[in-house]
Amino acid sequence: MHMSRYLIVLLVLFVGACATAGNKVDRTHIGDIKDGVQGKATVKKWFGEPHSIKTGLIGHPRGCTERWTYEYAKARGFGTVTYSEILVIDFDRKGVVCDHAFLKSGNE
């Protein structure tokens, strides 16, 4: 194979490649999340282990002290993100949901 053909094949493979980061958020219980109702055990049962946990939230308007984040992103080609979703759940000192949000962008 000529070098130019080889480079073209590699370029096509690279551009057509798809990469993902994180785990898709199971949306089954998104609408079931209620501030002041669920605890950490229920959230973990519904969504699994969070991608990240941040403790010691300071200045949260609702007094939340811990944030669990679930993230998923899909990219094509040169790393351009084509789809992303993020679920953020904040807990109070008692470990009960005090705030939450789910955002998604792009097309799967």
N, C-alpha and C. Protein backbone atom coordinates (compact mmCIF):
# COMPACT_ATOMS: atom_id res chain seq x y z
N MET A 1 0.85 -1.16 0.00
CA MET A 1 0.00 0.00 0.00
C MET A 1 0.90 1.23 0.00
N HIS A 2 0.56 2.17 -0.83
CA HIS A 2 1.33 3.42 -0.88
C HIS A 2 1.13 4.19 0.42
N MET A 3 2.14 4.96 0.77
CA MET A 3 2.09 5.74 2.01
C MET A 3 0.87 6.65 2.04
N SER A 4 0.52 7.29 0.93
CA SER A 4 -0.62 8.20 0.92
C SER A 4 -1.93 7.45 1.19
N ARG A 5 -2.08 6.26 0.65
CA ARG A 5 -3.28 5.46 0.92
C ARG A 5 -3.34 5.07 2.39
N TYR A 6 -2.20 4.71 2.93
CA TYR A 6 -2.12 4.32 4.33
C TYR A 6 -2.55 5.47 5.23
N LEU A 7 -2.06 6.67 4.94
CA LEU A 7 -2.43 7.84 5.72
C LEU A 7 -3.92 8.16 5.60
N ILE A 8 -4.48 8.01 4.43
CA ILE A 8 -5.90 8.27 4.22
C ILE A 8 -6.74 7.27 5.03
N VAL A 9 -6.35 6.01 5.01
CA VAL A 9 -7.07 4.99 5.78
C VAL A 9 -7.02 5.32 7.27
N LEU A 10 -5.84 5.69 7.77
CA LEU A 10 -5.70 6.04 9.17
C LEU A 10 -6.56 7.26 9.53
N LEU A 11 -6.56 8.26 8.66
CA LEU A 11 -7.35 9.46 8.90
C LEU A 11 -8.84 9.12 8.94
N VAL A 12 -9.32 8.32 8.03
CA VAL A 12 -10.73 7.92 8.01
C VAL A 12 -11.08 7.16 9.28
N LEU A 13 -10.23 6.26 9.72
CA LEU A 13 -10.48 5.50 10.94
C LEU A 13 -10.52 6.43 12.15
N PHE A 14 -9.60 7.38 12.21
CA PHE A 14 -9.54 8.29 13.34
C PHE A 14 -10.75 9.21 13.38
N VAL A 15 -11.12 9.79 12.27
CA VAL A 15 -12.25 10.71 12.21
C VAL A 15 -13.56 9.97 12.48
N GLY A 16 -13.68 8.75 12.03
CA GLY A 16 -14.90 7.98 12.23
C GLY A 16 -15.00 7.36 13.60
N ALA A 17 -13.96 7.44 14.39
CA ALA A 17 -13.96 6.82 15.70
C ALA A 17 -14.91 7.54 16.65
N CYS A 18 -15.38 6.81 17.62
CA CYS A 18 -16.28 7.36 18.62
C CYS A 18 -15.73 6.99 20.00
N ALA A 19 -15.75 7.93 20.91
CA ALA A 19 -15.27 7.68 22.26
C ALA A 19 -16.32 8.13 23.26
N THR A 20 -16.37 7.44 24.39
CA THR A 20 -17.28 7.83 25.45
C THR A 20 -16.52 7.98 26.76
N ALA A 21 -17.08 8.77 27.65
CA ALA A 21 -16.50 8.95 28.98
C ALA A 21 -17.62 8.88 30.00
N GLY A 22 -17.40 8.17 31.09
CA GLY A 22 -18.42 8.02 32.12
C GLY A 22 -19.43 6.97 31.73
N ASN A 23 -20.48 6.88 32.51
CA ASN A 23 -21.55 5.92 32.25
C ASN A 23 -22.85 6.65 31.98
N LYS A 24 -23.64 6.13 31.04
CA LYS A 24 -24.94 6.73 30.75
C LYS A 24 -25.76 6.77 32.03
N VAL A 25 -26.49 7.84 32.21
CA VAL A 25 -27.34 7.98 33.38
C VAL A 25 -28.64 7.23 33.11
N ASP A 26 -28.98 6.31 34.02
CA ASP A 26 -30.25 5.60 33.92
C ASP A 26 -31.35 6.59 34.28
N ARG A 27 -32.15 6.99 33.30
CA ARG A 27 -33.14 8.05 33.51
C ARG A 27 -34.45 7.55 34.12
N THR A 28 -34.52 6.27 34.43
CA THR A 28 -35.75 5.69 34.98
C THR A 28 -36.27 6.46 36.18
N HIS A 29 -35.40 6.88 37.08
CA HIS A 29 -35.82 7.52 38.32
C HIS A 29 -35.54 9.02 38.40
N ILE A 30 -35.15 9.63 37.29
CA ILE A 30 -34.88 11.07 37.31
C ILE A 30 -36.08 11.84 37.86
N GLY A 31 -37.25 11.53 37.38
CA GLY A 31 -38.46 12.23 37.83
C GLY A 31 -38.89 11.87 39.25
N ASP A 32 -38.31 10.82 39.81
CA ASP A 32 -38.67 10.39 41.17
C ASP A 32 -37.85 11.09 42.25
N ILE A 33 -36.79 11.79 41.87
CA ILE A 33 -35.96 12.47 42.86
C ILE A 33 -36.75 13.65 43.44
N LYS A 34 -36.87 13.65 44.76
CA LYS A 34 -37.59 14.73 45.45
C LYS A 34 -36.71 15.29 46.55
N ASP A 35 -36.55 16.59 46.55
CA ASP A 35 -35.78 17.24 47.62
C ASP A 35 -36.44 16.94 48.96
N GLY A 36 -35.62 16.58 49.95
CA GLY A 36 -36.11 16.30 51.29
C GLY A 36 -36.69 14.91 51.48
N VAL A 37 -36.57 14.03 50.45
CA VAL A 37 -37.19 12.71 50.55
C VAL A 37 -36.15 11.58 50.53
N GLN A 38 -35.43 11.42 49.43
CA GLN A 38 -34.52 10.31 49.28
C GLN A 38 -33.20 10.54 50.02
N GLY A 39 -32.62 9.42 50.48
CA GLY A 39 -31.30 9.46 51.08
C GLY A 39 -30.26 8.90 50.12
N LYS A 40 -29.03 8.87 50.56
CA LYS A 40 -27.92 8.40 49.72
C LYS A 40 -28.08 6.96 49.28
N ALA A 41 -28.60 6.09 50.15
CA ALA A 41 -28.75 4.68 49.80
C ALA A 41 -29.70 4.50 48.61
N THR A 42 -30.80 5.24 48.62
CA THR A 42 -31.76 5.15 47.51
C THR A 42 -31.14 5.68 46.23
N VAL A 43 -30.46 6.82 46.31
CA VAL A 43 -29.82 7.40 45.12
C VAL A 43 -28.80 6.44 44.55
N LYS A 44 -28.00 5.82 45.41
CA LYS A 44 -26.99 4.86 44.95
C LYS A 44 -27.64 3.64 44.31
N LYS A 45 -28.77 3.19 44.88
CA LYS A 45 -29.51 2.05 44.31
C LYS A 45 -30.03 2.39 42.92
N TRP A 46 -30.54 3.62 42.75
CA TRP A 46 -31.10 4.03 41.47
C TRP A 46 -30.04 4.29 40.41
N PHE A 47 -28.94 4.96 40.78
CA PHE A 47 -27.98 5.45 39.78
C PHE A 47 -26.58 4.86 39.89
N GLY A 48 -26.32 4.07 40.93
CA GLY A 48 -25.00 3.49 41.09
C GLY A 48 -24.02 4.46 41.73
N GLU A 49 -22.75 4.12 41.63
CA GLU A 49 -21.70 4.97 42.19
C GLU A 49 -21.56 6.25 41.38
N PRO A 50 -21.47 7.38 42.03
CA PRO A 50 -21.29 8.64 41.30
C PRO A 50 -19.90 8.72 40.68
N HIS A 51 -19.80 9.51 39.61
CA HIS A 51 -18.51 9.76 38.96
C HIS A 51 -17.59 10.52 39.90
N SER A 52 -18.17 11.48 40.65
CA SER A 52 -17.38 12.23 41.62
C SER A 52 -18.24 12.62 42.82
N ILE A 53 -17.57 12.79 43.95
CA ILE A 53 -18.21 13.24 45.18
C ILE A 53 -17.41 14.42 45.71
N LYS A 54 -18.11 15.51 46.00
CA LYS A 54 -17.46 16.69 46.56
C LYS A 54 -18.12 16.99 47.91
N THR A 55 -17.30 17.07 48.94
CA THR A 55 -17.82 17.37 50.26
C THR A 55 -17.43 18.79 50.66
N GLY A 56 -18.08 19.26 51.71
CA GLY A 56 -17.74 20.59 52.22
C GLY A 56 -18.20 21.72 51.35
N LEU A 57 -19.38 21.59 50.73
CA LEU A 57 -19.91 22.69 49.92
C LEU A 57 -20.10 23.91 50.82
N ILE A 58 -19.62 25.02 50.39
CA ILE A 58 -19.72 26.24 51.19
C ILE A 58 -20.60 27.25 50.44
N GLY A 59 -21.53 27.83 51.15
CA GLY A 59 -22.36 28.87 50.58
C GLY A 59 -23.49 28.39 49.69
N HIS A 60 -23.83 27.10 49.75
CA HIS A 60 -24.95 26.60 48.96
C HIS A 60 -26.23 27.26 49.47
N PRO A 61 -27.07 27.80 48.59
CA PRO A 61 -28.26 28.54 49.04
C PRO A 61 -29.24 27.69 49.86
N ARG A 62 -29.21 26.39 49.69
CA ARG A 62 -30.11 25.52 50.45
C ARG A 62 -29.41 24.80 51.60
N GLY A 63 -28.15 25.14 51.82
CA GLY A 63 -27.41 24.53 52.92
C GLY A 63 -26.90 23.13 52.66
N CYS A 64 -26.87 22.72 51.39
CA CYS A 64 -26.37 21.39 51.05
C CYS A 64 -24.88 21.30 51.37
N THR A 65 -24.42 20.12 51.76
CA THR A 65 -23.02 19.97 52.17
C THR A 65 -22.23 18.98 51.33
N GLU A 66 -22.90 18.19 50.48
CA GLU A 66 -22.20 17.19 49.67
C GLU A 66 -22.85 17.09 48.30
N ARG A 67 -22.01 16.94 47.26
CA ARG A 67 -22.50 16.87 45.87
C ARG A 67 -22.02 15.58 45.20
N TRP A 68 -22.99 14.83 44.67
CA TRP A 68 -22.69 13.65 43.85
C TRP A 68 -22.95 14.02 42.40
N THR A 69 -22.01 13.69 41.53
CA THR A 69 -22.13 14.01 40.11
C THR A 69 -22.01 12.75 39.27
N TYR A 70 -22.95 12.58 38.37
CA TYR A 70 -22.95 11.49 37.40
C TYR A 70 -22.79 12.14 36.03
N GLU A 71 -21.77 11.72 35.27
CA GLU A 71 -21.49 12.35 33.99
C GLU A 71 -21.32 11.32 32.89
N TYR A 72 -21.73 11.71 31.69
CA TYR A 72 -21.54 10.88 30.51
C TYR A 72 -21.34 11.80 29.32
N ALA A 73 -20.38 11.48 28.48
CA ALA A 73 -20.15 12.27 27.27
C ALA A 73 -19.77 11.34 26.12
N LYS A 74 -20.18 11.71 24.94
CA LYS A 74 -19.87 10.96 23.73
C LYS A 74 -19.22 11.91 22.75
N ALA A 75 -18.10 11.49 22.18
CA ALA A 75 -17.39 12.35 21.23
C ALA A 75 -17.09 11.58 19.96
N ARG A 76 -16.98 12.31 18.89
CA ARG A 76 -16.62 11.73 17.59
C ARG A 76 -15.42 12.47 17.03
N GLY A 77 -14.72 11.78 16.16
CA GLY A 77 -13.62 12.42 15.44
C GLY A 77 -12.53 12.97 16.32
N PHE A 78 -12.30 14.24 16.21
CA PHE A 78 -11.18 14.88 16.90
C PHE A 78 -11.55 15.32 18.32
N GLY A 79 -12.44 14.58 18.98
CA GLY A 79 -12.80 14.88 20.35
C GLY A 79 -13.95 15.86 20.51
N THR A 80 -14.66 16.15 19.43
CA THR A 80 -15.80 17.05 19.52
C THR A 80 -16.94 16.33 20.22
N VAL A 81 -17.39 16.86 21.35
CA VAL A 81 -18.47 16.25 22.11
C VAL A 81 -19.77 16.42 21.34
N THR A 82 -20.44 15.30 21.06
CA THR A 82 -21.69 15.35 20.32
C THR A 82 -22.89 15.13 21.21
N TYR A 83 -22.68 14.57 22.41
CA TYR A 83 -23.77 14.34 23.34
C TYR A 83 -23.19 14.30 24.75
N SER A 84 -23.88 14.93 25.68
CA SER A 84 -23.44 14.86 27.08
C SER A 84 -24.65 14.93 28.00
N GLU A 85 -24.50 14.32 29.16
CA GLU A 85 -25.53 14.41 30.17
C GLU A 85 -24.86 14.43 31.53
N ILE A 86 -25.49 15.15 32.46
CA ILE A 86 -24.95 15.26 33.80
C ILE A 86 -26.11 15.30 34.79
N LEU A 87 -25.97 14.50 35.83
CA LEU A 87 -26.93 14.48 36.93
C LEU A 87 -26.16 14.91 38.17
N VAL A 88 -26.65 15.96 38.81
CA VAL A 88 -26.02 16.48 40.03
C VAL A 88 -27.04 16.36 41.15
N ILE A 89 -26.63 15.70 42.23
CA ILE A 89 -27.50 15.55 43.39
C ILE A 89 -26.75 16.05 44.62
N ASP A 90 -27.34 17.02 45.31
CA ASP A 90 -26.75 17.57 46.52
C ASP A 90 -27.49 17.02 47.74
N PHE A 91 -26.72 16.77 48.81
CA PHE A 91 -27.27 16.23 50.04
C PHE A 91 -27.02 17.19 51.20
N ASP A 92 -27.92 17.13 52.19
CA ASP A 92 -27.73 17.91 53.40
C ASP A 92 -26.88 17.12 54.40
N ARG A 93 -26.71 17.67 55.59
CA ARG A 93 -25.89 17.01 56.62
C ARG A 93 -26.42 15.65 57.04
N LYS A 94 -27.73 15.45 56.88
CA LYS A 94 -28.35 14.18 57.27
C LYS A 94 -28.27 13.14 56.15
N GLY A 95 -27.72 13.53 54.99
CA GLY A 95 -27.62 12.61 53.86
C GLY A 95 -28.89 12.49 53.05
N VAL A 96 -29.73 13.52 53.09
CA VAL A 96 -30.99 13.55 52.35
C VAL A 96 -30.85 14.55 51.20
N VAL A 97 -31.45 14.21 50.05
CA VAL A 97 -31.39 15.09 48.88
C VAL A 97 -31.93 16.47 49.26
N CYS A 98 -31.14 17.50 48.95
CA CYS A 98 -31.63 18.87 49.20
C CYS A 98 -31.68 19.70 47.92
N ASP A 99 -31.09 19.19 46.84
CA ASP A 99 -31.14 19.89 45.55
C ASP A 99 -30.68 18.91 44.48
N HIS A 100 -31.15 19.09 43.26
CA HIS A 100 -30.73 18.20 42.16
C HIS A 100 -31.01 18.85 40.81
N ALA A 101 -30.30 18.37 39.80
CA ALA A 101 -30.51 18.86 38.43
C ALA A 101 -30.01 17.80 37.45
N PHE A 102 -30.70 17.71 36.32
CA PHE A 102 -30.27 16.84 35.22
C PHE A 102 -30.26 17.66 33.95
N LEU A 103 -29.12 17.64 33.26
CA LEU A 103 -28.97 18.38 32.02
C LEU A 103 -28.43 17.46 30.94
N LYS A 104 -28.88 17.66 29.72
CA LYS A 104 -28.33 16.93 28.58
C LYS A 104 -28.23 17.87 27.40
N SER A 105 -27.27 17.58 26.53
CA SER A 105 -27.12 18.41 25.33
C SER A 105 -26.69 17.54 24.17
N GLY A 106 -27.09 17.95 22.99
CA GLY A 106 -26.73 17.22 21.78
C GLY A 106 -27.67 16.07 21.50
N ASN A 107 -27.30 15.28 20.50
CA ASN A 107 -28.09 14.12 20.09
C ASN A 107 -27.26 12.86 20.26
N GLU A 108 -27.93 11.84 20.78
CA GLU A 108 -27.22 10.57 20.95
C GLU A 108 -26.95 10.02 19.62
